PDB file of N, CA and C in Angstrom:
ATOM      1  N   MET A   1      40.913 -14.927 -90.833  1.00  0.00           N
ATOM      2  CA  MET A   1      41.348 -15.112 -92.207  1.00  0.00           C
ATOM      3  C   MET A   1      40.142 -15.015 -93.141  1.00  0.00           C
ATOM      4  N   GLN A   2      40.302 -14.274 -94.221  1.00  0.00           N
ATOM      5  CA  GLN A   2      39.204 -14.092 -95.178  1.00  0.00           C
ATOM      6  C   GLN A   2      39.341 -15.101 -96.308  1.00  0.00           C
ATOM      7  N   ASP A   3      38.199 -15.593 -96.759  1.00  0.00           N
ATOM      8  CA  ASP A   3      38.272 -16.443 -97.943  1.00  0.00           C
ATOM      9  C   ASP A   3      38.279 -15.578 -99.190  1.00  0.00           C
ATOM     10  N   SER A   4      38.614 -16.149-100.318  1.00  0.00           N
ATOM     11  CA  SER A   4      38.786 -15.374-101.543  1.00  0.00           C
ATOM     12  C   SER A   4      37.489 -14.741-102.037  1.00  0.00           C
ATOM     13  N   SER A   5      36.333 -15.264-101.623  1.00  0.00           N
ATOM     14  CA  SER A   5      35.073 -14.700-102.094  1.00  0.00           C
ATOM     15  C   SER A   5      34.745 -13.371-101.415  1.00  0.00           C
ATOM     16  N   SER A   6      35.343 -13.087-100.246  1.00  0.00           N
ATOM     17  CA  SER A   6      35.041 -11.845 -99.556  1.00  0.00           C
ATOM     18  C   SER A   6      36.055 -10.747 -99.865  1.00  0.00           C
ATOM     19  N   CYS A   7      37.066 -11.037-100.656  1.00  0.00           N
ATOM     20  CA  CYS A   7      38.044 -10.012-101.031  1.00  0.00           C
ATOM     21  C   CYS A   7      37.415  -9.052-102.024  1.00  0.00           C
ATOM     22  N   ARG A   8      37.774  -7.822-101.881  1.00  0.00           N
ATOM     23  CA  ARG A   8      37.226  -6.799-102.765  1.00  0.00           C
ATOM     24  C   ARG A   8      38.062  -6.726-104.038  1.00  0.00           C
ATOM     25  N   ARG A   9      37.398  -6.847-105.175  1.00  0.00           N
ATOM     26  CA  ARG A   9      38.115  -6.780-106.448  1.00  0.00           C
ATOM     27  C   ARG A   9      38.155  -5.340-106.926  1.00  0.00           C
ATOM     28  N   LYS A  10      39.216  -5.023-107.645  1.00  0.00           N
ATOM     29  CA  LYS A  10      39.369  -3.683-108.203  1.00  0.00           C
ATOM     30  C   LYS A  10      39.362  -3.786-109.715  1.00  0.00           C
ATOM     31  N   PHE A  11      38.696  -2.824-110.342  1.00  0.00           N
ATOM     32  CA  PHE A  11      38.594  -2.809-111.799  1.00  0.00           C
ATOM     33  C   PHE A  11      39.166  -1.503-112.311  1.00  0.00           C
ATOM     34  N   ASP A  12      39.963  -1.589-113.358  1.00  0.00           N
ATOM     35  CA  ASP A  12      40.566  -0.362-113.889  1.00  0.00           C
ATOM     36  C   ASP A  12      39.571   0.387-114.778  1.00  0.00           C
ATOM     37  N   GLN A  13      39.954   1.588-115.139  1.00  0.00           N
ATOM     38  CA  GLN A  13      39.102   2.480-115.917  1.00  0.00           C
ATOM     39  C   GLN A  13      38.697   1.833-117.246  1.00  0.00           C
ATOM     40  N   GLU A  14      39.631   1.223-117.909  1.00  0.00           N
ATOM     41  CA  GLU A  14      39.350   0.619-119.216  1.00  0.00           C
ATOM     42  C   GLU A  14      38.311  -0.490-119.110  1.00  0.00           C
ATOM     43  N   PHE A  15      38.424  -1.336-118.093  1.00  0.00           N
ATOM     44  CA  PHE A  15      37.464  -2.424-117.900  1.00  0.00           C
ATOM     45  C   PHE A  15      36.058  -1.862-117.699  1.00  0.00           C
ATOM     46  N   LYS A  16      35.949  -0.833-116.845  1.00  0.00           N
ATOM     47  CA  LYS A  16      34.640  -0.237-116.557  1.00  0.00           C
ATOM     48  C   LYS A  16      34.034   0.383-117.815  1.00  0.00           C
ATOM     49  N   GLN A  17      34.854   1.115-118.577  1.00  0.00           N
ATOM     50  CA  GLN A  17      34.345   1.749-119.791  1.00  0.00           C
ATOM     51  C   GLN A  17      33.892   0.711-120.808  1.00  0.00           C
ATOM     52  N   GLU A  18      34.661  -0.350-120.963  1.00  0.00           N
ATOM     53  CA  GLU A  18      34.273  -1.398-121.915  1.00  0.00           C
ATOM     54  C   GLU A  18      32.991  -2.100-121.469  1.00  0.00           C
ATOM     55  N   ALA A  19      32.855  -2.325-120.169  1.00  0.00           N
ATOM     56  CA  ALA A  19      31.645  -2.969-119.658  1.00  0.00           C
ATOM     57  C   ALA A  19      30.424  -2.096-119.928  1.00  0.00           C
ATOM     58  N   VAL A  20      30.552  -0.809-119.696  1.00  0.00           N
ATOM     59  CA  VAL A  20      29.436   0.115-119.935  1.00  0.00           C
ATOM     60  C   VAL A  20      29.116   0.186-121.420  1.00  0.00           C
ATOM     61  N   LYS A  21      30.144   0.204-122.261  1.00  0.00           N
ATOM     62  CA  LYS A  21      29.908   0.258-123.710  1.00  0.00           C
ATOM     63  C   LYS A  21      29.166  -0.974-124.203  1.00  0.00           C
ATOM     64  N   LEU A  22      29.433  -2.119-123.604  1.00  0.00           N
ATOM     65  CA  LEU A  22      28.704  -3.334-123.990  1.00  0.00           C
ATOM     66  C   LEU A  22      27.208  -3.158-123.744  1.00  0.00           C
ATOM     67  N   VAL A  23      26.860  -2.457-122.694  1.00  0.00           N
ATOM     68  CA  VAL A  23      25.441  -2.224-122.376  1.00  0.00           C
ATOM     69  C   VAL A  23      24.870  -1.133-123.271  1.00  0.00           C
ATOM     70  N   VAL A  24      25.587  -0.018-123.371  1.00  0.00           N
ATOM     71  CA  VAL A  24      25.065   1.155-124.075  1.00  0.00           C
ATOM     72  C   VAL A  24      25.035   0.938-125.583  1.00  0.00           C
ATOM     73  N   GLU A  25      26.117   0.452-126.138  1.00  0.00           N
ATOM     74  CA  GLU A  25      26.221   0.329-127.591  1.00  0.00           C
ATOM     75  C   GLU A  25      25.877  -1.061-128.114  1.00  0.00           C
ATOM     76  N   GLY A  26      25.992  -2.051-127.267  1.00  0.00           N
ATOM     77  CA  GLY A  26      25.818  -3.423-127.716  1.00  0.00           C
ATOM     78  C   GLY A  26      24.420  -3.971-127.641  1.00  0.00           C
ATOM     79  N   LYS A  27      23.486  -3.168-127.139  1.00  0.00           N
ATOM     80  CA  LYS A  27      22.091  -3.592-127.041  1.00  0.00           C
ATOM     81  C   LYS A  27      21.918  -4.830-126.156  1.00  0.00           C
ATOM     82  N   ARG A  28      22.819  -4.989-125.169  1.00  0.00           N
ATOM     83  CA  ARG A  28      22.701  -6.098-124.220  1.00  0.00           C
ATOM     84  C   ARG A  28      22.203  -5.538-122.896  1.00  0.00           C
ATOM     85  N   THR A  29      21.543  -6.363-122.130  1.00  0.00           N
ATOM     86  CA  THR A  29      21.028  -5.913-120.842  1.00  0.00           C
ATOM     87  C   THR A  29      22.162  -5.848-119.826  1.00  0.00           C
ATOM     88  N   VAL A  30      21.935  -5.048-118.800  1.00  0.00           N
ATOM     89  CA  VAL A  30      22.911  -4.927-117.731  1.00  0.00           C
ATOM     90  C   VAL A  30      23.121  -6.285-117.066  1.00  0.00           C
ATOM     91  N   ALA A  31      22.037  -7.006-116.842  1.00  0.00           N
ATOM     92  CA  ALA A  31      22.128  -8.316-116.195  1.00  0.00           C
ATOM     93  C   ALA A  31      22.976  -9.276-117.016  1.00  0.00           C
ATOM     94  N   ASP A  32      22.784  -9.272-118.329  1.00  0.00           N
ATOM     95  CA  ASP A  32      23.528 -10.164-119.211  1.00  0.00           C
ATOM     96  C   ASP A  32      25.025  -9.841-119.206  1.00  0.00           C
ATOM     97  N   VAL A  33      25.358  -8.569-119.330  1.00  0.00           N
ATOM     98  CA  VAL A  33      26.761  -8.146-119.342  1.00  0.00           C
ATOM     99  C   VAL A  33      27.408  -8.414-117.985  1.00  0.00           C
ATOM    100  N   ALA A  34      26.698  -8.095-116.910  1.00  0.00           N
ATOM    101  CA  ALA A  34      27.238  -8.323-115.565  1.00  0.00           C
ATOM    102  C   ALA A  34      27.531  -9.799-115.343  1.00  0.00           C
ATOM    103  N   ARG A  35      26.615 -10.638-115.750  1.00  0.00           N
ATOM    104  CA  ARG A  35      26.798 -12.089-115.601  1.00  0.00           C
ATOM    105  C   ARG A  35      27.995 -12.567-116.410  1.00  0.00           C
ATOM    106  N   SER A  36      28.128 -12.082-117.646  1.00  0.00           N
ATOM    107  CA  SER A  36      29.231 -12.544-118.497  1.00  0.00           C
ATOM    108  C   SER A  36      30.597 -12.042-118.015  1.00  0.00           C
ATOM    109  N   LEU A  37      30.625 -10.882-117.336  1.00  0.00           N
ATOM    110  CA  LEU A  37      31.889 -10.341-116.832  1.00  0.00           C
ATOM    111  C   LEU A  37      32.189 -10.759-115.395  1.00  0.00           C
ATOM    112  N   GLY A  38      31.196 -11.329-114.731  1.00  0.00           N
ATOM    113  CA  GLY A  38      31.401 -11.773-113.358  1.00  0.00           C
ATOM    114  C   GLY A  38      31.384 -10.636-112.343  1.00  0.00           C
ATOM    115  N   VAL A  39      30.601  -9.608-112.634  1.00  0.00           N
ATOM    116  CA  VAL A  39      30.444  -8.509-111.676  1.00  0.00           C
ATOM    117  C   VAL A  39      28.988  -8.439-111.255  1.00  0.00           C
ATOM    118  N   HIS A  40      28.741  -7.810-110.135  1.00  0.00           N
ATOM    119  CA  HIS A  40      27.372  -7.690-109.655  1.00  0.00           C
ATOM    120  C   HIS A  40      26.605  -6.697-110.524  1.00  0.00           C
ATOM    121  N   GLU A  41      25.364  -6.994-110.736  1.00  0.00           N
ATOM    122  CA  GLU A  41      24.502  -6.164-111.579  1.00  0.00           C
ATOM    123  C   GLU A  41      24.413  -4.728-111.059  1.00  0.00           C
ATOM    124  N   ASN A  42      24.320  -4.547-109.743  1.00  0.00           N
ATOM    125  CA  ASN A  42      24.231  -3.201-109.157  1.00  0.00           C
ATOM    126  C   ASN A  42      25.499  -2.393-109.434  1.00  0.00           C
ATOM    127  N   LEU A  43      26.639  -3.061-109.430  1.00  0.00           N
ATOM    128  CA  LEU A  43      27.899  -2.379-109.704  1.00  0.00           C
ATOM    129  C   LEU A  43      27.924  -1.862-111.143  1.00  0.00           C
ATOM    130  N   LEU A  44      27.472  -2.679-112.064  1.00  0.00           N
ATOM    131  CA  LEU A  44      27.435  -2.254-113.463  1.00  0.00           C
ATOM    132  C   LEU A  44      26.435  -1.108-113.666  1.00  0.00           C
ATOM    133  N   HIS A  45      25.320  -1.142-112.945  1.00  0.00           N
ATOM    134  CA  HIS A  45      24.369  -0.016-112.997  1.00  0.00           C
ATOM    135  C   HIS A  45      25.043   1.262-112.509  1.00  0.00           C
ATOM    136  N   LYS A  46      25.825   1.156-111.442  1.00  0.00           N
ATOM    137  CA  LYS A  46      26.535   2.318-110.903  1.00  0.00           C
ATOM    138  C   LYS A  46      27.525   2.861-111.925  1.00  0.00           C
ATOM    139  N   TRP A  47      28.288   1.980-112.548  1.00  0.00           N
ATOM    140  CA  TRP A  47      29.262   2.401-113.565  1.00  0.00           C
ATOM    141  C   TRP A  47      28.551   3.084-114.735  1.00  0.00           C
ATOM    142  N   LYS A  48      27.435   2.520-115.142  1.00  0.00           N
ATOM    143  CA  LYS A  48      26.673   3.088-116.265  1.00  0.00           C
ATOM    144  C   LYS A  48      26.184   4.489-115.922  1.00  0.00           C
ATOM    145  N   ARG A  49      25.678   4.672-114.700  1.00  0.00           N
ATOM    146  CA  ARG A  49      25.191   5.984-114.250  1.00  0.00           C
ATOM    147  C   ARG A  49      26.341   6.992-114.219  1.00  0.00           C
ATOM    148  N   GLN A  50      27.502   6.592-113.699  1.00  0.00           N
ATOM    149  CA  GLN A  50      28.668   7.482-113.662  1.00  0.00           C
ATOM    150  C   GLN A  50      29.099   7.868-115.070  1.00  0.00           C
ATOM    151  N   TYR A  51      29.087   6.918-115.970  1.00  0.00           N
ATOM    152  CA  TYR A  51      29.490   7.174-117.353  1.00  0.00           C
ATOM    153  C   TYR A  51      28.517   8.121-118.041  1.00  0.00           C
ATOM    154  N   GLU A  52      27.234   7.939-117.813  1.00  0.00           N
ATOM    155  CA  GLU A  52      26.231   8.796-118.445  1.00  0.00           C
ATOM    156  C   GLU A  52      26.293  10.222-117.902  1.00  0.00           C
ATOM    157  N   GLU A  53      26.655  10.388-116.631  1.00  0.00           N
ATOM    158  CA  GLU A  53      26.767  11.721-116.040  1.00  0.00           C
ATOM    159  C   GLU A  53      27.957  12.490-116.604  1.00  0.00           C
ATOM    160  N   ASP A  54      29.067  11.787-116.855  1.00  0.00           N
ATOM    161  CA  ASP A  54      30.287  12.450-117.312  1.00  0.00           C
ATOM    162  C   ASP A  54      31.149  11.448-118.086  1.00  0.00           C
ATOM    163  N   PRO A  55      30.884  11.264-119.380  1.00  0.00           N
ATOM    164  CA  PRO A  55      31.624  10.256-120.159  1.00  0.00           C
ATOM    165  C   PRO A  55      33.141  10.458-120.155  1.00  0.00           C
ATOM    166  N   GLN A  56      33.598  11.699-120.239  1.00  0.00           N
ATOM    167  CA  GLN A  56      35.047  11.952-120.296  1.00  0.00           C
ATOM    168  C   GLN A  56      35.708  11.808-118.929  1.00  0.00           C
ATOM    169  N   GLY A  57      35.021  12.233-117.881  1.00  0.00           N
ATOM    170  CA  GLY A  57      35.628  12.252-116.556  1.00  0.00           C
ATOM    171  C   GLY A  57      35.261  11.074-115.677  1.00  0.00           C
ATOM    172  N   SER A  58      34.529  10.120-116.221  1.00  0.00           N
ATOM    173  CA  SER A  58      34.120   8.985-115.394  1.00  0.00           C
ATOM    174  C   SER A  58      35.303   8.076-115.098  1.00  0.00           C
ATOM    175  N   PHE A  59      35.262   7.486-113.925  1.00  0.00           N
ATOM    176  CA  PHE A  59      36.275   6.527-113.472  1.00  0.00           C
ATOM    177  C   PHE A  59      37.680   7.132-113.456  1.00  0.00           C
ATOM    178  N   PRO A  60      37.905   8.198-112.704  1.00  0.00           N
ATOM    179  CA  PRO A  60      39.234   8.816-112.703  1.00  0.00           C
ATOM    180  C   PRO A  60      40.313   7.941-112.084  1.00  0.00           C
ATOM    181  N   GLY A  61      39.948   7.008-111.242  1.00  0.00           N
ATOM    182  CA  GLY A  61      40.941   6.125-110.641  1.00  0.00           C
ATOM    183  C   GLY A  61      41.302   6.560-109.235  1.00  0.00           C
ATOM    184  N   LYS A  62      41.991   5.683-108.541  1.00  0.00           N
ATOM    185  CA  LYS A  62      42.363   5.936-107.152  1.00  0.00           C
ATOM    186  C   LYS A  62      43.388   7.067-107.087  1.00  0.00           C
ATOM    187  N   GLY A  63      43.099   8.044-106.257  1.00  0.00           N
ATOM    188  CA  GLY A  63      44.030   9.146-106.075  1.00  0.00           C
ATOM    189  C   GLY A  63      43.934  10.231-107.129  1.00  0.00           C
ATOM    190  N   ARG A  64      43.164  10.010-108.153  1.00  0.00           N
ATOM    191  CA  ARG A  64      42.999  11.031-109.198  1.00  0.00           C
ATOM    192  C   ARG A  64      41.625  11.641-109.053  1.00  0.00           C
ATOM    193  N   ILE A  65      41.558  12.910-109.382  1.00  0.00           N
ATOM    194  CA  ILE A  65      40.259  13.568-109.309  1.00  0.00           C
ATOM    195  C   ILE A  65      39.906  14.132-110.673  1.00  0.00           C
ATOM    196  N   LYS A  66      38.631  14.391-110.847  1.00  0.00           N
ATOM    197  CA  LYS A  66      38.166  14.930-112.116  1.00  0.00           C
ATOM    198  C   LYS A  66      38.741  16.327-112.313  1.00  0.00           C
ATOM    199  N   PRO A  67      38.936  16.742-113.563  1.00  0.00           N
ATOM    200  CA  PRO A  67      39.521  18.066-113.826  1.00  0.00           C
ATOM    201  C   PRO A  67      38.767  19.211-113.158  1.00  0.00           C
ATOM    202  N   GLN A  68      37.438  19.170-113.172  1.00  0.00           N
ATOM    203  CA  GLN A  68      36.682  20.257-112.560  1.00  0.00           C
ATOM    204  C   GLN A  68      36.848  20.255-111.038  1.00  0.00           C
ATOM    205  N   ASP A  69      36.979  19.073-110.430  1.00  0.00           N
ATOM    206  CA  ASP A  69      37.211  19.008-108.989  1.00  0.00           C
ATOM    207  C   ASP A  69      38.617  19.494-108.651  1.00  0.00           C
ATOM    208  N   GLU A  70      39.560  19.183-109.513  1.00  0.00           N
ATOM    209  CA  GLU A  70      40.934  19.644-109.326  1.00  0.00           C
ATOM    210  C   GLU A  70      40.994  21.174-109.381  1.00  0.00           C
ATOM    211  N   GLU A  71      40.277  21.751-110.337  1.00  0.00           N
ATOM    212  CA  GLU A  71      40.231  23.209-110.470  1.00  0.00           C
ATOM    213  C   GLU A  71      39.573  23.826-109.236  1.00  0.00           C
ATOM    214  N   LEU A  72      38.521  23.207-108.737  1.00  0.00           N
ATOM    215  CA  LEU A  72      37.845  23.706-107.543  1.00  0.00           C
ATOM    216  C   LEU A  72      38.799  23.708-106.350  1.00  0.00           C
ATOM    217  N   LYS A  73      39.548  22.624-106.166  1.00  0.00           N
ATOM    218  CA  LYS A  73      40.513  22.561-105.065  1.00  0.00           C
ATOM    219  C   LYS A  73      41.580  23.640-105.209  1.00  0.00           C
ATOM    220  N   ARG A  74      42.058  23.862-106.433  1.00  0.00           N
ATOM    221  CA  ARG A  74      43.075  24.882-106.673  1.00  0.00           C
ATOM    222  C   ARG A  74      42.537  26.262-106.299  1.00  0.00           C
ATOM    223  N   LEU A  75      41.305  26.544-106.717  1.00  0.00           N
ATOM    224  CA  LEU A  75      40.699  27.833-106.421  1.00  0.00           C
ATOM    225  C   LEU A  75      40.457  28.014-104.922  1.00  0.00           C
ATOM    226  N   GLN A  76      40.100  26.940-104.239  1.00  0.00           N
ATOM    227  CA  GLN A  76      39.902  27.023-102.793  1.00  0.00           C
ATOM    228  C   GLN A  76      41.223  27.316-102.082  1.00  0.00           C
ATOM    229  N   ARG A  77      42.309  26.677-102.528  1.00  0.00           N
ATOM    230  CA  ARG A  77      43.628  26.952-101.938  1.00  0.00           C
ATOM    231  C   ARG A  77      44.027  28.408-102.190  1.00  0.00           C
ATOM    232  N   GLU A  78      43.810  28.870-103.420  1.00  0.00           N
ATOM    233  CA  GLU A  78      44.147  30.242-103.768  1.00  0.00           C
ATOM    234  C   GLU A  78      43.332  31.230-102.930  1.00  0.00           C
ATOM    235  N   ASN A  79      42.059  30.932-102.756  1.00  0.00           N
ATOM    236  CA  ASN A  79      41.189  31.782-101.959  1.00  0.00           C
ATOM    237  C   ASN A  79      41.682  31.845-100.508  1.00  0.00           C
ATOM    238  N   ALA A  80      42.070  30.714 -99.944  1.00  0.00           N
ATOM    239  CA  ALA A  80      42.579  30.683 -98.575  1.00  0.00           C
ATOM    240  C   ALA A  80      43.860  31.507 -98.457  1.00  0.00           C
ATOM    241  N   ASN A  81      44.746  31.399 -99.441  1.00  0.00           N
ATOM    242  CA  ASN A  81      45.987  32.183 -99.431  1.00  0.00           C
ATOM    243  C   ASN A  81      45.701  33.676 -99.501  1.00  0.00           C
ATOM    244  N   LEU A  82      44.765  34.064-100.347  1.00  0.00           N
ATOM    245  CA  LEU A  82      44.424  35.473-100.480  1.00  0.00           C
ATOM    246  C   LEU A  82      43.802  36.024 -99.199  1.00  0.00           C
ATOM    247  N   ARG A  83      42.966  35.235 -98.549  1.00  0.00           N
ATOM    248  CA  ARG A  83      42.377  35.671 -97.284  1.00  0.00           C
ATOM    249  C   ARG A  83      43.469  35.877 -96.224  1.00  0.00           C
ATOM    250  N   GLU A  84      44.415  34.943 -96.198  1.00  0.00           N
ATOM    251  CA  GLU A  84      45.509  35.049 -95.236  1.00  0.00           C
ATOM    252  C   GLU A  84      46.349  36.305 -95.509  1.00  0.00           C
ATOM    253  N   GLU A  85      46.668  36.546 -96.764  1.00  0.00           N
ATOM    254  CA  GLU A  85      47.438  37.737 -97.128  1.00  0.00           C
ATOM    255  C   GLU A  85      46.684  39.017 -96.757  1.00  0.00           C
ATOM    256  N   ARG A  86      45.381  39.008 -96.987  1.00  0.00           N
ATOM    257  CA  ARG A  86      44.562  40.169 -96.643  1.00  0.00           C
ATOM    258  C   ARG A  86      44.607  40.434 -95.142  1.00  0.00           C
ATOM    259  N   GLU A  87      44.505  39.385 -94.344  1.00  0.00           N
ATOM    260  CA  GLU A  87      44.558  39.537 -92.887  1.00  0.00           C
ATOM    261  C   GLU A  87      45.908  40.092 -92.446  1.00  0.00           C
ATOM    262  N   ILE A  88      46.981  39.611 -93.055  1.00  0.00           N
ATOM    263  CA  ILE A  88      48.318  40.108 -92.730  1.00  0.00           C
ATOM    264  C   ILE A  88      48.411  41.594 -93.035  1.00  0.00           C
ATOM    265  N   LEU A  89      47.933  41.995 -94.205  1.00  0.00           N
ATOM    266  CA  LEU A  89      47.977  43.410 -94.585  1.00  0.00           C
ATOM    267  C   LEU A  89      47.101  44.271 -93.673  1.00  0.00           C
ATOM    268  N   LYS A  90      45.924  43.767 -93.307  1.00  0.00           N
ATOM    269  CA  LYS A  90      45.050  44.510 -92.401  1.00  0.00           C
ATOM    270  C   LYS A  90      45.724  44.706 -91.051  1.00  0.00           C
ATOM    271  N   ASN A  91      46.367  43.669 -90.533  1.00  0.00           N
ATOM    272  CA  ASN A  91      47.043  43.755 -89.242  1.00  0.00           C
ATOM    273  C   ASN A  91      48.228  44.715 -89.311  1.00  0.00           C
ATOM    274  N   ARG A  92      48.955  44.670 -90.412  1.00  0.00           N
ATOM    275  CA  ARG A  92      50.092  45.577 -90.582  1.00  0.00           C
ATOM    276  C   ARG A  92      49.604  47.024 -90.645  1.00  0.00           C
ATOM    277  N   LEU A  93      48.518  47.255 -91.359  1.00  0.00           N
ATOM    278  CA  LEU A  93      47.971  48.607 -91.478  1.00  0.00           C
ATOM    279  C   LEU A  93      47.508  49.113 -90.110  1.00  0.00           C
ATOM    280  N   ARG A  94      46.877  48.255 -89.332  1.00  0.00           N
ATOM    281  CA  ARG A  94      46.450  48.630 -87.981  1.00  0.00           C
ATOM    282  C   ARG A  94      47.659  49.005 -87.128  1.00  0.00           C
ATOM    283  N   GLY A  95      48.726  48.217 -87.247  1.00  0.00           N
ATOM    284  CA  GLY A  95      49.945  48.492 -86.477  1.00  0.00           C
ATOM    285  C   GLY A  95      50.566  49.808 -86.868  1.00  0.00           C
ATOM    286  N   ASP A  96      50.578  50.106 -88.154  1.00  0.00           N
ATOM    287  CA  ASP A  96      51.143  51.371 -88.630  1.00  0.00           C
ATOM    288  C   ASP A  96      50.316  52.553 -88.143  1.00  0.00           C
ATOM    289  N   CYS A  97      48.997  52.393 -88.130  1.00  0.00           N
ATOM    290  CA  CYS A  97      48.121  53.465 -87.684  1.00  0.00           C
ATOM    291  C   CYS A  97      48.284  53.727 -86.181  1.00  0.00           C
ATOM    292  N   LEU A  98      48.499  52.673 -85.407  1.00  0.00           N
ATOM    293  CA  LEU A  98      48.647  52.832 -83.962  1.00  0.00           C
ATOM    294  C   LEU A  98      49.962  53.505 -83.600  1.00  0.00           C
ATOM    295  N   SER A  99      50.985  53.303 -84.429  1.00  0.00           N
ATOM    296  CA  SER A  99      52.295  53.884 -84.119  1.00  0.00           C
ATOM    297  C   SER A  99      52.382  55.361 -84.487  1.00  0.00           C
ATOM    298  N   LEU A 100      51.390  55.858 -85.188  1.00  0.00           N
ATOM    299  CA  LEU A 100      51.410  57.290 -85.559  1.00  0.00           C
ATOM    300  C   LEU A 100      50.959  58.113 -84.437  1.00  0.00           C
TER     301      LEU A 100
END
């Protein structure tokens, strides 16, 4: 049985963005904001780094991916489909040539 202190807490996108804004715009230290919100200082540093790398796409949430990653996955699926279609056509062409 786990005690409540070892349970992993989850924070939504809005909470993370507001916490980072307190540091970035509020002229408060990471340690001060982390202490006041009850989160670990390293976690707030991580959130701040993610926000600075991509303010619009930071903290997409569980099961959601960033738009550029979504586009990459779509293109990879399309590429795999095109390769498969090409192989089918190549095999069909080989079969037609052999039957002549």
